[in-house]
Structure formats: structure tokens, C-alpha cells
PDB file of all heavy atoms in Angstrom:
ATOM      1  N   LEU A   1      -8.496  -0.366   3.723  1.00  0.00           N
ATOM      2  CA  LEU A   1      -7.502   0.199   4.650  1.00  0.00           C
ATOM      3  C   LEU A   1      -6.287  -0.870   4.567  1.00  0.00           C
ATOM      4  O   LEU A   1      -6.416  -1.976   4.815  1.00  0.00           O
ATOM      5  CB  LEU A   1      -7.923   0.218   6.073  1.00  0.00           C
ATOM      6  CG  LEU A   1      -9.217   1.136   6.229  1.00  0.00           C
ATOM      7  CD1 LEU A   1      -9.677   1.163   7.721  1.00  0.00           C
ATOM      8  CD2 LEU A   1      -8.999   2.584   5.656  1.00  0.00           C
ATOM      9  N   MET A   2      -5.127  -0.355   4.147  1.00  0.00           N
ATOM     10  CA  MET A   2      -3.973  -1.081   3.863  1.00  0.00           C
ATOM     11  C   MET A   2      -2.725  -0.838   4.747  1.00  0.00           C
ATOM     12  O   MET A   2      -2.344   0.360   4.763  1.00  0.00           O
ATOM     13  CB  MET A   2      -3.603  -0.971   2.429  1.00  0.00           C
ATOM     14  CG  MET A   2      -2.369  -1.868   1.958  1.00  0.00           C
ATOM     15  SD  MET A   2      -2.807  -3.613   1.813  1.00  0.00           S
ATOM     16  CE  MET A   2      -3.847  -3.530   0.313  1.00  0.00           C
ATOM     17  N   ASP A   3      -2.340  -1.921   5.454  1.00  0.00           N
ATOM     18  CA  ASP A   3      -1.075  -1.680   6.295  1.00  0.00           C
ATOM     19  C   ASP A   3       0.087  -1.623   5.217  1.00  0.00           C
ATOM     20  O   ASP A   3      -0.015  -2.118   4.159  1.00  0.00           O
ATOM     21  CB  ASP A   3      -0.901  -2.708   7.258  1.00  0.00           C
ATOM     22  CG  ASP A   3       0.161  -2.478   8.410  1.00  0.00           C
ATOM     23  OD1 ASP A   3       0.827  -1.438   8.272  1.00  0.00           O
ATOM     24  OD2 ASP A   3       0.291  -3.207   9.314  1.00  0.00           O
ATOM     25  N   VAL A   4       1.322  -1.235   5.702  1.00  0.00           N
ATOM     26  CA  VAL A   4       2.448  -1.260   4.767  1.00  0.00           C
ATOM     27  C   VAL A   4       3.299  -2.554   4.969  1.00  0.00           C
ATOM     28  O   VAL A   4       3.543  -3.244   4.076  1.00  0.00           O
ATOM     29  CB  VAL A   4       3.366  -0.021   4.799  1.00  0.00           C
ATOM     30  CG1 VAL A   4       4.646  -0.126   4.008  1.00  0.00           C
ATOM     31  CG2 VAL A   4       2.527   1.263   4.383  1.00  0.00           C
ATOM     32  N   ARG A   5       3.645  -2.731   6.198  1.00  0.00           N
ATOM     33  CA  ARG A   5       4.543  -3.772   6.508  1.00  0.00           C
ATOM     34  C   ARG A   5       3.788  -5.080   6.951  1.00  0.00           C
ATOM     35  O   ARG A   5       3.160  -5.073   7.955  1.00  0.00           O
ATOM     36  CB  ARG A   5       5.584  -3.433   7.650  1.00  0.00           C
ATOM     37  CG  ARG A   5       6.486  -2.349   7.160  1.00  0.00           C
ATOM     38  CD  ARG A   5       7.433  -1.988   8.253  1.00  0.00           C
ATOM     39  NE  ARG A   5       8.499  -1.005   7.706  1.00  0.00           N
ATOM     40  CZ  ARG A   5       9.524  -0.601   8.500  1.00  0.00           C
ATOM     41  NH1 ARG A   5       9.655  -0.990   9.718  1.00  0.00           N
ATOM     42  NH2 ARG A   5      10.302   0.233   7.875  1.00  0.00           N
ATOM     43  N   MET A   6       3.814  -6.053   6.099  1.00  0.00           N
ATOM     44  CA  MET A   6       3.160  -7.342   6.368  1.00  0.00           C
ATOM     45  C   MET A   6       4.009  -8.454   5.798  1.00  0.00           C
ATOM     46  O   MET A   6       4.843  -8.185   4.919  1.00  0.00           O
ATOM     47  CB  MET A   6       1.770  -7.311   5.608  1.00  0.00           C
ATOM     48  CG  MET A   6       0.764  -6.295   6.119  1.00  0.00           C
ATOM     49  SD  MET A   6      -0.836  -6.455   5.340  1.00  0.00           S
ATOM     50  CE  MET A   6      -0.332  -5.855   3.622  1.00  0.00           C
ATOM     51  N   PRO A   7       3.821  -9.643   6.300  1.00  0.00           N
ATOM     52  CA  PRO A   7       4.627 -10.778   5.831  1.00  0.00           C
ATOM     53  C   PRO A   7       4.152 -11.164   4.412  1.00  0.00           C
ATOM     54  O   PRO A   7       3.026 -10.897   3.915  1.00  0.00           O
ATOM     55  CB  PRO A   7       4.160 -11.921   6.874  1.00  0.00           C
ATOM     56  CG  PRO A   7       2.821 -11.516   7.341  1.00  0.00           C
ATOM     57  CD  PRO A   7       2.832 -10.073   7.365  1.00  0.00           C
ATOM     58  N   GLY A   8       5.117 -11.700   3.673  1.00  0.00           N
ATOM     59  CA  GLY A   8       4.926 -12.140   2.249  1.00  0.00           C
ATOM     60  C   GLY A   8       4.775 -10.926   1.431  1.00  0.00           C
ATOM     61  O   GLY A   8       5.746 -10.025   1.388  1.00  0.00           O
ATOM     62  N   MET A   9       3.679 -10.724   0.724  1.00  0.00           N
ATOM     63  CA  MET A   9       3.394  -9.485  -0.159  1.00  0.00           C
ATOM     64  C   MET A   9       3.080  -8.257   0.847  1.00  0.00           C
ATOM     65  O   MET A   9       2.118  -8.407   1.645  1.00  0.00           O
ATOM     66  CB  MET A   9       2.239  -9.701  -0.959  1.00  0.00           C
ATOM     67  CG  MET A   9       1.957  -8.499  -1.867  1.00  0.00           C
ATOM     68  SD  MET A   9       0.469  -8.781  -2.924  1.00  0.00           S
ATOM     69  CE  MET A   9       1.133  -9.882  -4.154  1.00  0.00           C
ATOM     70  N   ASP A  10       3.903  -7.254   0.653  1.00  0.00           N
ATOM     71  CA  ASP A  10       3.645  -6.075   1.621  1.00  0.00           C
ATOM     72  C   ASP A  10       2.456  -5.201   1.033  1.00  0.00           C
ATOM     73  O   ASP A  10       1.987  -5.473  -0.020  1.00  0.00           O
ATOM     74  CB  ASP A  10       4.901  -5.169   1.758  1.00  0.00           C
ATOM     75  CG  ASP A  10       5.444  -4.650   0.477  1.00  0.00           C
ATOM     76  OD1 ASP A  10       4.698  -4.499  -0.437  1.00  0.00           O
ATOM     77  OD2 ASP A  10       6.656  -4.321   0.399  1.00  0.00           O
ATOM     78  N   GLY A  11       2.136  -4.187   1.799  1.00  0.00           N
ATOM     79  CA  GLY A  11       0.978  -3.305   1.310  1.00  0.00           C
ATOM     80  C   GLY A  11       1.295  -2.576   0.124  1.00  0.00           C
ATOM     81  O   GLY A  11       0.255  -2.266  -0.607  1.00  0.00           O
ATOM     82  N   ILE A  12       2.491  -2.226  -0.217  1.00  0.00           N
ATOM     83  CA  ILE A  12       2.737  -1.470  -1.487  1.00  0.00           C
ATOM     84  C   ILE A  12       2.432  -2.388  -2.718  1.00  0.00           C
ATOM     85  O   ILE A  12       1.678  -1.981  -3.627  1.00  0.00           O
ATOM     86  CB  ILE A  12       4.199  -1.082  -1.603  1.00  0.00           C
ATOM     87  CG1 ILE A  12       4.465  -0.133  -0.444  1.00  0.00           C
ATOM     88  CG2 ILE A  12       4.475  -0.401  -2.898  1.00  0.00           C
ATOM     89  CD1 ILE A  12       5.900   0.249  -0.254  1.00  0.00           C
ATOM     90  N   GLU A  13       2.966  -3.591  -2.699  1.00  0.00           N
ATOM     91  CA  GLU A  13       2.702  -4.502  -3.706  1.00  0.00           C
ATOM     92  C   GLU A  13       1.231  -4.949  -3.843  1.00  0.00           C
ATOM     93  O   GLU A  13       0.751  -5.114  -4.939  1.00  0.00           O
ATOM     94  CB  GLU A  13       3.585  -5.792  -3.703  1.00  0.00           C
ATOM     95  CG  GLU A  13       5.081  -5.546  -3.978  1.00  0.00           C
ATOM     96  CD  GLU A  13       5.244  -4.821  -5.310  1.00  0.00           C
ATOM     97  OE1 GLU A  13       4.718  -5.368  -6.293  1.00  0.00           O
ATOM     98  OE2 GLU A  13       6.070  -3.834  -5.355  1.00  0.00           O
ATOM     99  N   ALA A  14       0.654  -5.106  -2.732  1.00  0.00           N
ATOM    100  CA  ALA A  14      -0.835  -5.469  -2.650  1.00  0.00           C
ATOM    101  C   ALA A  14      -1.577  -4.222  -3.282  1.00  0.00           C
ATOM    102  O   ALA A  14      -2.568  -4.462  -4.044  1.00  0.00           O
ATOM    103  CB  ALA A  14      -1.334  -5.710  -1.235  1.00  0.00           C
ATOM    104  N   THR A  15      -1.345  -3.001  -2.896  1.00  0.00           N
ATOM    105  CA  THR A  15      -2.005  -1.819  -3.393  1.00  0.00           C
ATOM    106  C   THR A  15      -1.874  -1.832  -4.961  1.00  0.00           C
ATOM    107  O   THR A  15      -2.878  -1.515  -5.693  1.00  0.00           O
ATOM    108  CB  THR A  15      -1.482  -0.468  -2.768  1.00  0.00           C
ATOM    109  OG1 THR A  15      -1.770  -0.604  -1.443  1.00  0.00           O
ATOM    110  CG2 THR A  15      -2.112   0.652  -3.401  1.00  0.00           C
ATOM    111  N   ARG A  16      -0.599  -1.958  -5.473  1.00  0.00           N
ATOM    112  CA  ARG A  16      -0.417  -1.942  -6.837  1.00  0.00           C
ATOM    113  C   ARG A  16      -1.268  -3.080  -7.582  1.00  0.00           C
ATOM    114  O   ARG A  16      -1.889  -2.742  -8.661  1.00  0.00           O
ATOM    115  CB  ARG A  16       0.998  -2.170  -7.212  1.00  0.00           C
ATOM    116  CG  ARG A  16       1.475  -1.997  -8.645  1.00  0.00           C
ATOM    117  CD  ARG A  16       2.963  -2.104  -8.901  1.00  0.00           C
ATOM    118  NE  ARG A  16       3.577  -0.791  -8.219  1.00  0.00           N
ATOM    119  CZ  ARG A  16       4.410  -0.831  -7.265  1.00  0.00           C
ATOM    120  NH1 ARG A  16       4.678  -1.883  -6.598  1.00  0.00           N
ATOM    121  NH2 ARG A  16       4.937   0.307  -6.850  1.00  0.00           N
ATOM    122  N   ALA A  17      -1.295  -4.215  -7.007  1.00  0.00           N
ATOM    123  CA  ALA A  17      -1.954  -5.302  -7.674  1.00  0.00           C
ATOM    124  C   ALA A  17      -3.513  -4.994  -7.664  1.00  0.00           C
ATOM    125  O   ALA A  17      -4.183  -5.296  -8.586  1.00  0.00           O
ATOM    126  CB  ALA A  17      -1.695  -6.622  -6.951  1.00  0.00           C
ATOM    127  N   ILE A  18      -4.060  -4.557  -6.573  1.00  0.00           N
ATOM    128  CA  ILE A  18      -5.458  -4.264  -6.357  1.00  0.00           C
ATOM    129  C   ILE A  18      -5.822  -3.165  -7.430  1.00  0.00           C
ATOM    130  O   ILE A  18      -6.833  -3.339  -8.125  1.00  0.00           O
ATOM    131  CB  ILE A  18      -5.757  -3.857  -4.937  1.00  0.00           C
ATOM    132  CG1 ILE A  18      -5.720  -5.028  -4.035  1.00  0.00           C
ATOM    133  CG2 ILE A  18      -7.141  -3.218  -4.908  1.00  0.00           C
ATOM    134  CD1 ILE A  18      -5.793  -4.677  -2.494  1.00  0.00           C
ATOM    135  N   VAL A  19      -5.080  -2.118  -7.457  1.00  0.00           N
ATOM    136  CA  VAL A  19      -5.542  -0.904  -8.351  1.00  0.00           C
ATOM    137  C   VAL A  19      -5.291  -1.403  -9.909  1.00  0.00           C
ATOM    138  O   VAL A  19      -6.101  -1.019 -10.733  1.00  0.00           O
ATOM    139  CB  VAL A  19      -4.583   0.261  -8.062  1.00  0.00           C
ATOM    140  CG1 VAL A  19      -4.820   1.298  -9.234  1.00  0.00           C
ATOM    141  CG2 VAL A  19      -4.949   0.812  -6.727  1.00  0.00           C
ATOM    142  N   ALA A  20      -4.289  -2.216 -10.154  1.00  0.00           N
ATOM    143  CA  ALA A  20      -4.109  -2.798 -11.490  1.00  0.00           C
ATOM    144  C   ALA A  20      -5.286  -3.609 -11.875  1.00  0.00           C
ATOM    145  O   ALA A  20      -5.712  -3.552 -13.028  1.00  0.00           O
ATOM    146  CB  ALA A  20      -2.739  -3.558 -11.585  1.00  0.00           C
ATOM    147  N   GLY A  21      -5.725  -4.368 -10.958  1.00  0.00           N
ATOM    148  CA  GLY A  21      -6.842  -5.274 -11.274  1.00  0.00           C
ATOM    149  C   GLY A  21      -8.216  -4.482 -11.382  1.00  0.00           C
ATOM    150  O   GLY A  21      -9.091  -4.894 -12.116  1.00  0.00           O
ATOM    151  N   ASP A  22      -8.371  -3.469 -10.660  1.00  0.00           N
ATOM    152  CA  ASP A  22      -9.521  -2.698 -10.615  1.00  0.00           C
ATOM    153  C   ASP A  22      -9.170  -1.199 -10.358  1.00  0.00           C
ATOM    154  O   ASP A  22      -9.116  -0.796  -9.308  1.00  0.00           O
ATOM    155  CB  ASP A  22     -10.504  -3.145  -9.572  1.00  0.00           C
ATOM    156  CG  ASP A  22     -11.892  -2.279  -9.625  1.00  0.00           C
ATOM    157  OD1 ASP A  22     -12.070  -1.392 -10.525  1.00  0.00           O
ATOM    158  OD2 ASP A  22     -12.613  -2.514  -8.597  1.00  0.00           O
ATOM    159  N   PRO A  23      -9.046  -0.470 -11.470  1.00  0.00           N
ATOM    160  CA  PRO A  23      -8.541   1.076 -11.282  1.00  0.00           C
ATOM    161  C   PRO A  23      -9.507   1.783 -10.400  1.00  0.00           C
ATOM    162  O   PRO A  23      -9.132   2.924  -9.928  1.00  0.00           O
ATOM    163  CB  PRO A  23      -8.587   1.578 -12.701  1.00  0.00           C
ATOM    164  CG  PRO A  23      -8.339   0.303 -13.486  1.00  0.00           C
ATOM    165  CD  PRO A  23      -9.027  -0.776 -12.833  1.00  0.00           C
ATOM    166  N   ALA A  24     -10.730   1.402 -10.294  1.00  0.00           N
ATOM    167  CA  ALA A  24     -11.677   2.157  -9.337  1.00  0.00           C
ATOM    168  C   ALA A  24     -11.508   1.903  -7.922  1.00  0.00           C
ATOM    169  O   ALA A  24     -12.113   2.505  -7.087  1.00  0.00           O
ATOM    170  CB  ALA A  24     -13.094   1.830  -9.807  1.00  0.00           C
ATOM    171  N   SER A  25     -10.609   0.897  -7.506  1.00  0.00           N
ATOM    172  CA  SER A  25     -10.378   0.599  -6.210  1.00  0.00           C
ATOM    173  C   SER A  25      -9.743   1.762  -5.340  1.00  0.00           C
ATOM    174  O   SER A  25      -8.974   2.607  -5.958  1.00  0.00           O
ATOM    175  CB  SER A  25      -9.368  -0.534  -6.059  1.00  0.00           C
ATOM    176  OG  SER A  25      -9.985  -1.686  -6.564  1.00  0.00           O
ATOM    177  N   ARG A  26     -10.206   1.994  -4.218  1.00  0.00           N
ATOM    178  CA  ARG A  26      -9.746   3.148  -3.322  1.00  0.00           C
ATOM    179  C   ARG A  26      -9.125   2.425  -2.115  1.00  0.00           C
ATOM    180  O   ARG A  26      -9.613   1.710  -1.351  1.00  0.00           O
ATOM    181  CB  ARG A  26     -10.956   3.960  -2.821  1.00  0.00           C
ATOM    182  CG  ARG A  26     -11.660   4.589  -4.105  1.00  0.00           C
ATOM    183  CD  ARG A  26     -10.810   5.600  -4.765  1.00  0.00           C
ATOM    184  NE  ARG A  26     -11.498   6.111  -5.940  1.00  0.00           N
ATOM    185  CZ  ARG A  26     -10.912   7.177  -6.687  1.00  0.00           C
ATOM    186  NH1 ARG A  26      -9.615   7.658  -6.348  1.00  0.00           N
ATOM    187  NH2 ARG A  26     -11.568   7.470  -7.858  1.00  0.00           N
ATOM    188  N   VAL A  27      -7.719   2.843  -2.048  1.00  0.00           N
ATOM    189  CA  VAL A  27      -6.967   2.249  -0.846  1.00  0.00           C
ATOM    190  C   VAL A  27      -6.407   3.347  -0.065  1.00  0.00           C
ATOM    191  O   VAL A  27      -5.897   4.386  -0.516  1.00  0.00           O
ATOM    192  CB  VAL A  27      -5.755   1.476  -1.565  1.00  0.00           C
ATOM    193  CG1 VAL A  27      -4.889   0.900  -0.306  1.00  0.00           C
ATOM    194  CG2 VAL A  27      -6.227   0.366  -2.420  1.00  0.00           C
ATOM    195  N   ILE A  28      -6.580   3.155   1.303  1.00  0.00           N
ATOM    196  CA  ILE A  28      -6.001   4.149   2.193  1.00  0.00           C
ATOM    197  C   ILE A  28      -4.880   3.372   2.894  1.00  0.00           C
ATOM    198  O   ILE A  28      -5.021   2.386   3.410  1.00  0.00           O
ATOM    199  CB  ILE A  28      -6.934   4.605   3.252  1.00  0.00           C
ATOM    200  CG1 ILE A  28      -8.142   5.420   2.572  1.00  0.00           C
ATOM    201  CG2 ILE A  28      -6.288   5.504   4.308  1.00  0.00           C
ATOM    202  CD1 ILE A  28      -9.233   5.772   3.519  1.00  0.00           C
ATOM    203  N   ILE A  29      -3.584   4.070   2.817  1.00  0.00           N
ATOM    204  CA  ILE A  29      -2.452   3.484   3.422  1.00  0.00           C
ATOM    205  C   ILE A  29      -2.476   3.895   5.007  1.00  0.00           C
ATOM    206  O   ILE A  29      -2.627   5.048   5.247  1.00  0.00           O
ATOM    207  CB  ILE A  29      -1.146   3.977   2.746  1.00  0.00           C
ATOM    208  CG1 ILE A  29      -1.064   3.517   1.297  1.00  0.00           C
ATOM    209  CG2 ILE A  29       0.038   3.513   3.595  1.00  0.00           C
ATOM    210  CD1 ILE A  29      -0.734   2.098   1.144  1.00  0.00           C
ATOM    211  N   LEU A  30      -2.301   2.936   5.825  1.00  0.00           N
ATOM    212  CA  LEU A  30      -2.229   3.190   7.260  1.00  0.00           C
ATOM    213  C   LEU A  30      -0.790   2.792   7.721  1.00  0.00           C
ATOM    214  O   LEU A  30      -0.334   1.724   7.429  1.00  0.00           O
ATOM    215  CB  LEU A  30      -3.273   2.444   7.980  1.00  0.00           C
ATOM    216  CG  LEU A  30      -4.682   2.677   7.816  1.00  0.00           C
ATOM    217  CD1 LEU A  30      -5.616   1.708   8.479  1.00  0.00           C
ATOM    218  CD2 LEU A  30      -4.998   4.117   8.454  1.00  0.00           C
ATOM    219  N   THR A  31      -0.123   3.632   8.389  1.00  0.00           N
ATOM    220  CA  THR A  31       1.265   3.391   8.790  1.00  0.00           C
ATOM    221  C   THR A  31       1.693   4.163   9.915  1.00  0.00           C
ATOM    222  O   THR A  31       1.064   5.238  10.352  1.00  0.00           O
ATOM    223  CB  THR A  31       2.258   3.642   7.541  1.00  0.00           C
ATOM    224  OG1 THR A  31       3.507   3.258   7.954  1.00  0.00           O
ATOM    225  CG2 THR A  31       2.219   5.127   7.246  1.00  0.00           C
ATOM    226  N   THR A  32       2.744   3.760  10.551  1.00  0.00           N
ATOM    227  CA  THR A  32       3.374   4.522  11.714  1.00  0.00           C
ATOM    228  C   THR A  32       4.475   5.334  10.841  1.00  0.00           C
ATOM    229  O   THR A  32       5.495   4.784  10.462  1.00  0.00           O
ATOM    230  CB  THR A  32       4.077   3.529  12.707  1.00  0.00           C
ATOM    231  OG1 THR A  32       3.088   2.702  13.301  1.00  0.00           O
ATOM    232  CG2 THR A  32       4.725   4.456  13.772  1.00  0.00           C
ATOM    233  N   PHE A  33       4.281   6.560  10.759  1.00  0.00           N
ATOM    234  CA  PHE A  33       4.968   7.379   9.665  1.00  0.00           C
ATOM    235  C   PHE A  33       6.488   7.331   9.855  1.00  0.00           C
ATOM    236  O   PHE A  33       7.244   7.136   8.996  1.00  0.00           O
ATOM    237  CB  PHE A  33       4.522   8.868   9.746  1.00  0.00           C
ATOM    238  CG  PHE A  33       5.151   9.632   8.630  1.00  0.00           C
ATOM    239  CD1 PHE A  33       4.514   9.554   7.280  1.00  0.00           C
ATOM    240  CD2 PHE A  33       6.128  10.375   8.854  1.00  0.00           C
ATOM    241  CE1 PHE A  33       5.111  10.325   6.334  1.00  0.00           C
ATOM    242  CE2 PHE A  33       6.701  11.076   7.760  1.00  0.00           C
ATOM    243  CZ  PHE A  33       6.110  11.031   6.532  1.00  0.00           C
ATOM    244  N   ASP A  34       6.994   7.466  11.109  1.00  0.00           N
ATOM    245  CA  ASP A  34       8.440   7.673  11.305  1.00  0.00           C
ATOM    246  C   ASP A  34       9.115   6.250  11.055  1.00  0.00           C
ATOM    247  O   ASP A  34      10.414   6.283  10.743  1.00  0.00           O
ATOM    248  CB  ASP A  34       8.711   7.986  12.745  1.00  0.00           C
ATOM    249  CG  ASP A  34       8.255   9.476  13.105  1.00  0.00           C
ATOM    250  OD1 ASP A  34       8.179  10.159  12.053  1.00  0.00           O
ATOM    251  OD2 ASP A  34       7.981   9.759  14.279  1.00  0.00           O
ATOM    252  N   LEU A  35       8.455   5.193  11.037  1.00  0.00           N
ATOM    253  CA  LEU A  35       9.084   3.930  10.701  1.00  0.00           C
ATOM    254  C   LEU A  35       8.813   3.361   9.356  1.00  0.00           C
ATOM    255  O   LEU A  35       9.700   2.698   8.738  1.00  0.00           O
ATOM    256  CB  LEU A  35       8.475   2.860  11.663  1.00  0.00           C
ATOM    257  CG  LEU A  35       8.680   3.094  13.191  1.00  0.00           C
ATOM    258  CD1 LEU A  35       7.963   1.931  14.031  1.00  0.00           C
ATOM    259  CD2 LEU A  35      10.093   3.189  13.522  1.00  0.00           C
ATOM    260  N   ASP A  36       7.812   3.865   8.646  1.00  0.00           N
ATOM    261  CA  ASP A  36       7.413   3.292   7.368  1.00  0.00           C
ATOM    262  C   ASP A  36       7.901   4.212   6.293  1.00  0.00           C
ATOM    263  O   ASP A  36       7.264   5.182   5.951  1.00  0.00           O
ATOM    264  CB  ASP A  36       6.000   2.880   7.191  1.00  0.00           C
ATOM    265  CG  ASP A  36       5.599   1.697   8.118  1.00  0.00           C
ATOM    266  OD1 ASP A  36       6.370   0.860   8.193  1.00  0.00           O
ATOM    267  OD2 ASP A  36       4.432   1.789   8.616  1.00  0.00           O
ATOM    268  N   GLU A  37       9.079   3.978   5.710  1.00  0.00           N
ATOM    269  CA  GLU A  37       9.665   4.830   4.650  1.00  0.00           C
ATOM    270  C   GLU A  37       9.052   4.478   3.287  1.00  0.00           C
ATOM    271  O   GLU A  37       9.473   5.038   2.320  1.00  0.00           O
ATOM    272  CB  GLU A  37      11.087   4.786   4.661  1.00  0.00           C
ATOM    273  CG  GLU A  37      11.827   5.258   5.962  1.00  0.00           C
ATOM    274  CD  GLU A  37      13.254   5.103   5.898  1.00  0.00           C
ATOM    275  OE1 GLU A  37      13.797   4.612   4.979  1.00  0.00           O
ATOM    276  OE2 GLU A  37      13.967   5.481   6.960  1.00  0.00           O
ATOM    277  N   TYR A  38       8.120   3.489   3.278  1.00  0.00           N
ATOM    278  CA  TYR A  38       7.575   3.094   1.987  1.00  0.00           C
ATOM    279  C   TYR A  38       6.188   3.716   1.724  1.00  0.00           C
ATOM    280  O   TYR A  38       5.481   3.385   0.802  1.00  0.00           O
ATOM    281  CB  TYR A  38       7.493   1.605   1.862  1.00  0.00           C
ATOM    282  CG  TYR A  38       8.782   0.872   2.216  1.00  0.00           C
ATOM    283  CD1 TYR A  38       8.973   0.261   3.404  1.00  0.00           C
ATOM    284  CD2 TYR A  38       9.812   0.815   1.249  1.00  0.00           C
ATOM    285  CE1 TYR A  38      10.138  -0.328   3.682  1.00  0.00           C
ATOM    286  CE2 TYR A  38      10.990   0.205   1.519  1.00  0.00           C
ATOM    287  CZ  TYR A  38      11.232  -0.394   2.820  1.00  0.00           C
ATOM    288  OH  TYR A  38      12.381  -0.958   3.030  1.00  0.00           O
ATOM    289  N   ALA A  39       5.845   4.550   2.581  1.00  0.00           N
ATOM    290  CA  ALA A  39       4.459   5.194   2.403  1.00  0.00           C
ATOM    291  C   ALA A  39       4.313   5.899   1.103  1.00  0.00           C
ATOM    292  O   ALA A  39       3.310   5.799   0.387  1.00  0.00           O
ATOM    293  CB  ALA A  39       4.200   6.153   3.627  1.00  0.00           C
ATOM    294  N   PHE A  40       5.247   6.632   0.651  1.00  0.00           N
ATOM    295  CA  PHE A  40       5.174   7.427  -0.515  1.00  0.00           C
ATOM    296  C   PHE A  40       5.080   6.360  -1.717  1.00  0.00           C
ATOM    297  O   PHE A  40       4.295   6.596  -2.698  1.00  0.00           O
ATOM    298  CB  PHE A  40       6.473   8.159  -0.838  1.00  0.00           C
ATOM    299  CG  PHE A  40       6.444   9.091  -2.053  1.00  0.00           C
ATOM    300  CD1 PHE A  40       5.829  10.400  -2.022  1.00  0.00           C
ATOM    301  CD2 PHE A  40       6.907   8.560  -3.237  1.00  0.00           C
ATOM    302  CE1 PHE A  40       5.780  11.119  -3.120  1.00  0.00           C
ATOM    303  CE2 PHE A  40       6.854   9.395  -4.381  1.00  0.00           C
ATOM    304  CZ  PHE A  40       6.245  10.614  -4.341  1.00  0.00           C
ATOM    305  N   ALA A  41       5.804   5.254  -1.672  1.00  0.00           N
ATOM    306  CA  ALA A  41       5.700   4.268  -2.663  1.00  0.00           C
ATOM    307  C   ALA A  41       4.300   3.670  -2.786  1.00  0.00           C
ATOM    308  O   ALA A  41       3.721   3.364  -3.936  1.00  0.00           O
ATOM    309  CB  ALA A  41       6.735   3.135  -2.496  1.00  0.00           C
ATOM    310  N   GLY A  42       3.652   3.609  -1.590  1.00  0.00           N
ATOM    311  CA  GLY A  42       2.275   3.052  -1.568  1.00  0.00           C
ATOM    312  C   GLY A  42       1.298   4.096  -2.247  1.00  0.00           C
ATOM    313  O   GLY A  42       0.496   3.570  -3.129  1.00  0.00           O
ATOM    314  N   LEU A  43       1.493   5.375  -2.054  1.00  0.00           N
ATOM    315  CA  LEU A  43       0.733   6.249  -2.811  1.00  0.00           C
ATOM    316  C   LEU A  43       0.952   6.334  -4.317  1.00  0.00           C
ATOM    317  O   LEU A  43       0.088   6.445  -5.063  1.00  0.00           O
ATOM    318  CB  LEU A  43       0.977   7.675  -2.181  1.00  0.00           C
ATOM    319  CG  LEU A  43       0.597   7.977  -0.781  1.00  0.00           C
ATOM    320  CD1 LEU A  43       1.089   9.325  -0.304  1.00  0.00           C
ATOM    321  CD2 LEU A  43      -0.836   7.742  -0.515  1.00  0.00           C
ATOM    322  N   ASN A  44       2.238   6.154  -4.603  1.00  0.00           N
ATOM    323  CA  ASN A  44       2.579   6.207  -6.005  1.00  0.00           C
ATOM    324  C   ASN A  44       2.167   4.908  -6.673  1.00  0.00           C
ATOM    325  O   ASN A  44       1.904   4.849  -7.835  1.00  0.00           O
ATOM    326  CB  ASN A  44       4.152   6.136  -6.142  1.00  0.00           C
ATOM    327  CG  ASN A  44       4.612   6.797  -7.417  1.00  0.00           C
ATOM    328  OD1 ASN A  44       3.864   7.534  -7.978  1.00  0.00           O
ATOM    329  ND2 ASN A  44       5.864   6.476  -7.913  1.00  0.00           N
ATOM    330  N   ALA A  45       1.836   3.795  -5.869  1.00  0.00           N
ATOM    331  CA  ALA A  45       1.359   2.599  -6.368  1.00  0.00           C
ATOM    332  C   ALA A  45      -0.185   2.658  -6.737  1.00  0.00           C
ATOM    333  O   ALA A  45      -0.755   1.730  -7.260  1.00  0.00           O
ATOM    334  CB  ALA A  45       1.586   1.453  -5.510  1.00  0.00           C
TER     335      ALA A  45
END
């Protein structure tokens, strides 16, 4: 379960890194939709 907005590396970059390291990894993005405009990027990652 991955938040989007975090200090340092955000959830998008973390998701991309996790999936790149292990394509079988399954990540669910958790966000406050109206505030997090990066949710789509997380799915795309």
C-alpha cells in the first residue's frame, strides 16, 4: 500500500523502483484524490 506524497522519494518513484526491481510486485496507490494529481503517474509507473 503506497502513499503518493512523502518526504524524499515520493510514492510514484518508489512504485517505479519497486516494480523495476521485481515486476511481480503488486502496489496499490492510496491517495486523497482531489489533492493528489500524481495518481495517474503512479498507475503508469
